[in-house]
Amino acid sequence: MAYQISDACVSCGACAEQCPVSAISEGDGKYEIDADACLSCGACAEVCPVGAPAEA
């Protein structure tokens, strides 16, 4: 199941830098994950300072 980024996102970009398939991009007010590209590896969740990415 793909990860999703909650409204807790502070737009720091740490998650996007760690995504091995570049499935994360800057959206309107927070980062967003392309569910079709997400591998559910959890790399984004491991580096997020506020715990915004989580499995959907």
PDB file of N, CA and C in Angstrom:
ATOM      1  N   MET A   1       0.849  -1.181   0.000  1.00  0.00           N
ATOM      2  CA  MET A   1       0.000   0.000   0.000  1.00  0.00           C
ATOM      3  C   MET A   1       0.892   1.240   0.000  1.00  0.00           C
ATOM      4  N   ALA A   2       0.593   2.196  -0.825  1.00  0.00           N
ATOM      5  CA  ALA A   2       1.386   3.418  -0.961  1.00  0.00           C
ATOM      6  C   ALA A   2       1.307   4.285   0.291  1.00  0.00           C
ATOM      7  N   TYR A   3       2.365   5.046   0.493  1.00  0.00           N
ATOM      8  CA  TYR A   3       2.396   6.007   1.596  1.00  0.00           C
ATOM      9  C   TYR A   3       1.661   7.280   1.179  1.00  0.00           C
ATOM     10  N   GLN A   4       1.173   8.019   2.172  1.00  0.00           N
ATOM     11  CA  GLN A   4       0.550   9.318   1.959  1.00  0.00           C
ATOM     12  C   GLN A   4       1.170  10.288   2.953  1.00  0.00           C
ATOM     13  N   ILE A   5       1.198  11.561   2.605  1.00  0.00           N
ATOM     14  CA  ILE A   5       1.751  12.578   3.484  1.00  0.00           C
ATOM     15  C   ILE A   5       0.606  13.371   4.100  1.00  0.00           C
ATOM     16  N   SER A   6       0.607  13.431   5.429  1.00  0.00           N
ATOM     17  CA  SER A   6      -0.466  14.122   6.147  1.00  0.00           C
ATOM     18  C   SER A   6      -0.260  15.631   6.145  1.00  0.00           C
ATOM     19  N   ASP A   7      -1.235  16.337   6.687  1.00  0.00           N
ATOM     20  CA  ASP A   7      -1.165  17.792   6.789  1.00  0.00           C
ATOM     21  C   ASP A   7      -0.104  18.250   7.782  1.00  0.00           C
ATOM     22  N   ALA A   8       0.510  17.327   8.503  1.00  0.00           N
ATOM     23  CA  ALA A   8       1.588  17.676   9.436  1.00  0.00           C
ATOM     24  C   ALA A   8       2.859  18.079   8.694  1.00  0.00           C
ATOM     25  N   CYS A   9       2.907  17.838   7.388  1.00  0.00           N
ATOM     26  CA  CYS A   9       4.076  18.137   6.555  1.00  0.00           C
ATOM     27  C   CYS A   9       4.490  19.599   6.710  1.00  0.00           C
ATOM     28  N   VAL A  10       5.806  19.806   6.909  1.00  0.00           N
ATOM     29  CA  VAL A  10       6.351  21.158   7.034  1.00  0.00           C
ATOM     30  C   VAL A  10       7.140  21.558   5.777  1.00  0.00           C
ATOM     31  N   SER A  11       7.007  20.804   4.712  1.00  0.00           N
ATOM     32  CA  SER A  11       7.628  21.087   3.419  1.00  0.00           C
ATOM     33  C   SER A  11       9.147  21.256   3.483  1.00  0.00           C
ATOM     34  N   CYS A  12       9.796  20.403   4.259  1.00  0.00           N
ATOM     35  CA  CYS A  12      11.258  20.491   4.379  1.00  0.00           C
ATOM     36  C   CYS A  12      11.973  19.799   3.222  1.00  0.00           C
ATOM     37  N   GLY A  13      11.300  18.845   2.564  1.00  0.00           N
ATOM     38  CA  GLY A  13      11.880  18.161   1.416  1.00  0.00           C
ATOM     39  C   GLY A  13      12.725  16.943   1.738  1.00  0.00           C
ATOM     40  N   ALA A  14      12.886  16.623   3.007  1.00  0.00           N
ATOM     41  CA  ALA A  14      13.712  15.476   3.396  1.00  0.00           C
ATOM     42  C   ALA A  14      13.193  14.181   2.779  1.00  0.00           C
ATOM     43  N   CYS A  15      11.898  14.021   2.725  1.00  0.00           N
ATOM     44  CA  CYS A  15      11.302  12.798   2.182  1.00  0.00           C
ATOM     45  C   CYS A  15      11.596  12.650   0.694  1.00  0.00           C
ATOM     46  N   ALA A  16      11.463  13.736  -0.055  1.00  0.00           N
ATOM     47  CA  ALA A  16      11.684  13.694  -1.500  1.00  0.00           C
ATOM     48  C   ALA A  16      13.130  13.320  -1.823  1.00  0.00           C
ATOM     49  N   GLU A  17      14.062  13.809  -1.025  1.00  0.00           N
ATOM     50  CA  GLU A  17      15.477  13.508  -1.242  1.00  0.00           C
ATOM     51  C   GLU A  17      15.781  12.029  -1.043  1.00  0.00           C
ATOM     52  N   GLN A  18      15.030  11.354  -0.172  1.00  0.00           N
ATOM     53  CA  GLN A  18      15.297   9.955   0.147  1.00  0.00           C
ATOM     54  C   GLN A  18      14.521   8.959  -0.707  1.00  0.00           C
ATOM     55  N   CYS A  19      13.521   9.407  -1.438  1.00  0.00           N
ATOM     56  CA  CYS A  19      12.695   8.493  -2.233  1.00  0.00           C
ATOM     57  C   CYS A  19      13.510   7.896  -3.381  1.00  0.00           C
ATOM     58  N   PRO A  20      13.650   6.564  -3.422  1.00  0.00           N
ATOM     59  CA  PRO A  20      14.465   5.920  -4.462  1.00  0.00           C
ATOM     60  C   PRO A  20      13.847   5.951  -5.863  1.00  0.00           C
ATOM     61  N   VAL A  21      12.562   6.258  -5.967  1.00  0.00           N
ATOM     62  CA  VAL A  21      11.905   6.281  -7.270  1.00  0.00           C
ATOM     63  C   VAL A  21      11.340   7.657  -7.623  1.00  0.00           C
ATOM     64  N   SER A  22      11.722   8.669  -6.877  1.00  0.00           N
ATOM     65  CA  SER A  22      11.278  10.051  -7.117  1.00  0.00           C
ATOM     66  C   SER A  22       9.755  10.167  -7.185  1.00  0.00           C
ATOM     67  N   ALA A  23       9.073   9.487  -6.280  1.00  0.00           N
ATOM     68  CA  ALA A  23       7.610   9.506  -6.249  1.00  0.00           C
ATOM     69  C   ALA A  23       7.054  10.677  -5.448  1.00  0.00           C
ATOM     70  N   ILE A  24       7.935  11.468  -4.841  1.00  0.00           N
ATOM     71  CA  ILE A  24       7.491  12.563  -3.975  1.00  0.00           C
ATOM     72  C   ILE A  24       7.842  13.894  -4.624  1.00  0.00           C
ATOM     73  N   SER A  25       6.842  14.785  -4.659  1.00  0.00           N
ATOM     74  CA  SER A  25       7.063  16.111  -5.232  1.00  0.00           C
ATOM     75  C   SER A  25       6.379  17.160  -4.368  1.00  0.00           C
ATOM     76  N   GLU A  26       6.818  18.404  -4.548  1.00  0.00           N
ATOM     77  CA  GLU A  26       6.245  19.497  -3.777  1.00  0.00           C
ATOM     78  C   GLU A  26       4.864  19.822  -4.317  1.00  0.00           C
ATOM     79  N   GLY A  27       3.897  19.806  -3.424  1.00  0.00           N
ATOM     80  CA  GLY A  27       2.531  20.124  -3.816  1.00  0.00           C
ATOM     81  C   GLY A  27       2.127  21.482  -3.299  1.00  0.00           C
ATOM     82  N   ASP A  28       0.853  21.716  -3.191  1.00  0.00           N
ATOM     83  CA  ASP A  28       0.317  22.991  -2.724  1.00  0.00           C
ATOM     84  C   ASP A  28       0.284  22.998  -1.197  1.00  0.00           C
ATOM     85  N   GLY A  29       1.325  23.522  -0.576  1.00  0.00           N
ATOM     86  CA  GLY A  29       1.380  23.620   0.878  1.00  0.00           C
ATOM     87  C   GLY A  29       2.017  22.437   1.580  1.00  0.00           C
ATOM     88  N   LYS A  30       2.211  21.333   0.887  1.00  0.00           N
ATOM     89  CA  LYS A  30       2.876  20.160   1.459  1.00  0.00           C
ATOM     90  C   LYS A  30       3.365  19.271   0.326  1.00  0.00           C
ATOM     91  N   TYR A  31       4.210  18.328   0.653  1.00  0.00           N
ATOM     92  CA  TYR A  31       4.696  17.383  -0.348  1.00  0.00           C
ATOM     93  C   TYR A  31       3.635  16.314  -0.594  1.00  0.00           C
ATOM     94  N   GLU A  32       3.678  15.721  -1.789  1.00  0.00           N
ATOM     95  CA  GLU A  32       2.699  14.709  -2.183  1.00  0.00           C
ATOM     96  C   GLU A  32       3.421  13.488  -2.738  1.00  0.00           C
ATOM     97  N   ILE A  33       2.807  12.320  -2.562  1.00  0.00           N
ATOM     98  CA  ILE A  33       3.379  11.068  -3.055  1.00  0.00           C
ATOM     99  C   ILE A  33       2.514  10.525  -4.188  1.00  0.00           C
ATOM    100  N   ASP A  34       3.160  10.180  -5.294  1.00  0.00           N
ATOM    101  CA  ASP A  34       2.481   9.540  -6.423  1.00  0.00           C
ATOM    102  C   ASP A  34       2.259   8.077  -6.040  1.00  0.00           C
ATOM    103  N   ALA A  35       1.031   7.722  -5.734  1.00  0.00           N
ATOM    104  CA  ALA A  35       0.703   6.376  -5.262  1.00  0.00           C
ATOM    105  C   ALA A  35       1.071   5.293  -6.265  1.00  0.00           C
ATOM    106  N   ASP A  36       1.018   5.611  -7.550  1.00  0.00           N
ATOM    107  CA  ASP A  36       1.344   4.619  -8.581  1.00  0.00           C
ATOM    108  C   ASP A  36       2.842   4.325  -8.629  1.00  0.00           C
ATOM    109  N   ALA A  37       3.664   5.282  -8.227  1.00  0.00           N
ATOM    110  CA  ALA A  37       5.114   5.108  -8.269  1.00  0.00           C
ATOM    111  C   ALA A  37       5.688   4.641  -6.932  1.00  0.00           C
ATOM    112  N   CYS A  38       4.978   4.876  -5.850  1.00  0.00           N
ATOM    113  CA  CYS A  38       5.464   4.544  -4.507  1.00  0.00           C
ATOM    114  C   CYS A  38       5.698   3.045  -4.340  1.00  0.00           C
ATOM    115  N   LEU A  39       6.881   2.719  -3.784  1.00  0.00           N
ATOM    116  CA  LEU A  39       7.239   1.322  -3.534  1.00  0.00           C
ATOM    117  C   LEU A  39       6.867   0.854  -2.126  1.00  0.00           C
ATOM    118  N   SER A  40       6.370   1.755  -1.301  1.00  0.00           N
ATOM    119  CA  SER A  40       6.056   1.468   0.104  1.00  0.00           C
ATOM    120  C   SER A  40       7.287   1.001   0.871  1.00  0.00           C
ATOM    121  N   CYS A  41       8.437   1.584   0.546  1.00  0.00           N
ATOM    122  CA  CYS A  41       9.687   1.176   1.195  1.00  0.00           C
ATOM    123  C   CYS A  41       9.870   1.811   2.568  1.00  0.00           C
ATOM    124  N   GLY A  42       9.216   2.955   2.798  1.00  0.00           N
ATOM    125  CA  GLY A  42       9.307   3.614   4.101  1.00  0.00           C
ATOM    126  C   GLY A  42      10.478   4.556   4.269  1.00  0.00           C
ATOM    127  N   ALA A  43      11.290   4.739   3.227  1.00  0.00           N
ATOM    128  CA  ALA A  43      12.445   5.633   3.323  1.00  0.00           C
ATOM    129  C   ALA A  43      12.016   7.048   3.689  1.00  0.00           C
ATOM    130  N   CYS A  44      10.899   7.495   3.171  1.00  0.00           N
ATOM    131  CA  CYS A  44      10.411   8.841   3.451  1.00  0.00           C
ATOM    132  C   CYS A  44      10.017   8.993   4.921  1.00  0.00           C
ATOM    133  N   ALA A  45       9.355   7.993   5.445  1.00  0.00           N
ATOM    134  CA  ALA A  45       8.900   8.044   6.837  1.00  0.00           C
ATOM    135  C   ALA A  45      10.073   8.037   7.811  1.00  0.00           C
ATOM    136  N   GLU A  46      11.145   7.359   7.443  1.00  0.00           N
ATOM    137  CA  GLU A  46      12.312   7.264   8.323  1.00  0.00           C
ATOM    138  C   GLU A  46      13.016   8.597   8.507  1.00  0.00           C
ATOM    139  N   VAL A  47      12.964   9.479   7.520  1.00  0.00           N
ATOM    140  CA  VAL A  47      13.687  10.752   7.603  1.00  0.00           C
ATOM    141  C   VAL A  47      12.809  11.953   7.934  1.00  0.00           C
ATOM    142  N   CYS A  48      11.507  11.789   7.933  1.00  0.00           N
ATOM    143  CA  CYS A  48      10.610  12.919   8.180  1.00  0.00           C
ATOM    144  C   CYS A  48      10.680  13.361   9.647  1.00  0.00           C
ATOM    145  N   PRO A  49      10.987  14.654   9.886  1.00  0.00           N
ATOM    146  CA  PRO A  49      11.100  15.145  11.267  1.00  0.00           C
ATOM    147  C   PRO A  49       9.769  15.253  12.003  1.00  0.00           C
ATOM    148  N   VAL A  50       8.648  15.228  11.275  1.00  0.00           N
ATOM    149  CA  VAL A  50       7.342  15.369  11.931  1.00  0.00           C
ATOM    150  C   VAL A  50       6.445  14.153  11.740  1.00  0.00           C
ATOM    151  N   GLY A  51       6.962  13.097  11.108  1.00  0.00           N
ATOM    152  CA  GLY A  51       6.186  11.866  10.926  1.00  0.00           C
ATOM    153  C   GLY A  51       5.019  11.993   9.977  1.00  0.00           C
ATOM    154  N   ALA A  52       5.125  12.884   8.986  1.00  0.00           N
ATOM    155  CA  ALA A  52       4.000  13.107   8.061  1.00  0.00           C
ATOM    156  C   ALA A  52       3.717  11.924   7.129  1.00  0.00           C
ATOM    157  N   PRO A  53       4.731  11.253   6.551  1.00  0.00           N
ATOM    158  CA  PRO A  53       4.419  10.131   5.664  1.00  0.00           C
ATOM    159  C   PRO A  53       3.997   8.881   6.467  1.00  0.00           C
ATOM    160  N   ALA A  54       2.930   8.262   6.024  1.00  0.00           N
ATOM    161  CA  ALA A  54       2.451   7.044   6.671  1.00  0.00           C
ATOM    162  C   ALA A  54       1.764   6.167   5.628  1.00  0.00           C
ATOM    163  N   GLU A  55       1.716   4.861   5.890  1.00  0.00           N
ATOM    164  CA  GLU A  55       1.038   3.959   4.967  1.00  0.00           C
ATOM    165  C   GLU A  55      -0.450   4.288   4.942  1.00  0.00           C
ATOM    166  N   ALA A  56      -1.001   4.295   3.751  1.00  0.00           N
ATOM    167  CA  ALA A  56      -2.417   4.612   3.573  1.00  0.00           C
ATOM    168  C   ALA A  56      -3.288   3.449   3.982  1.00  0.00           C
TER     169      ALA A  56
END
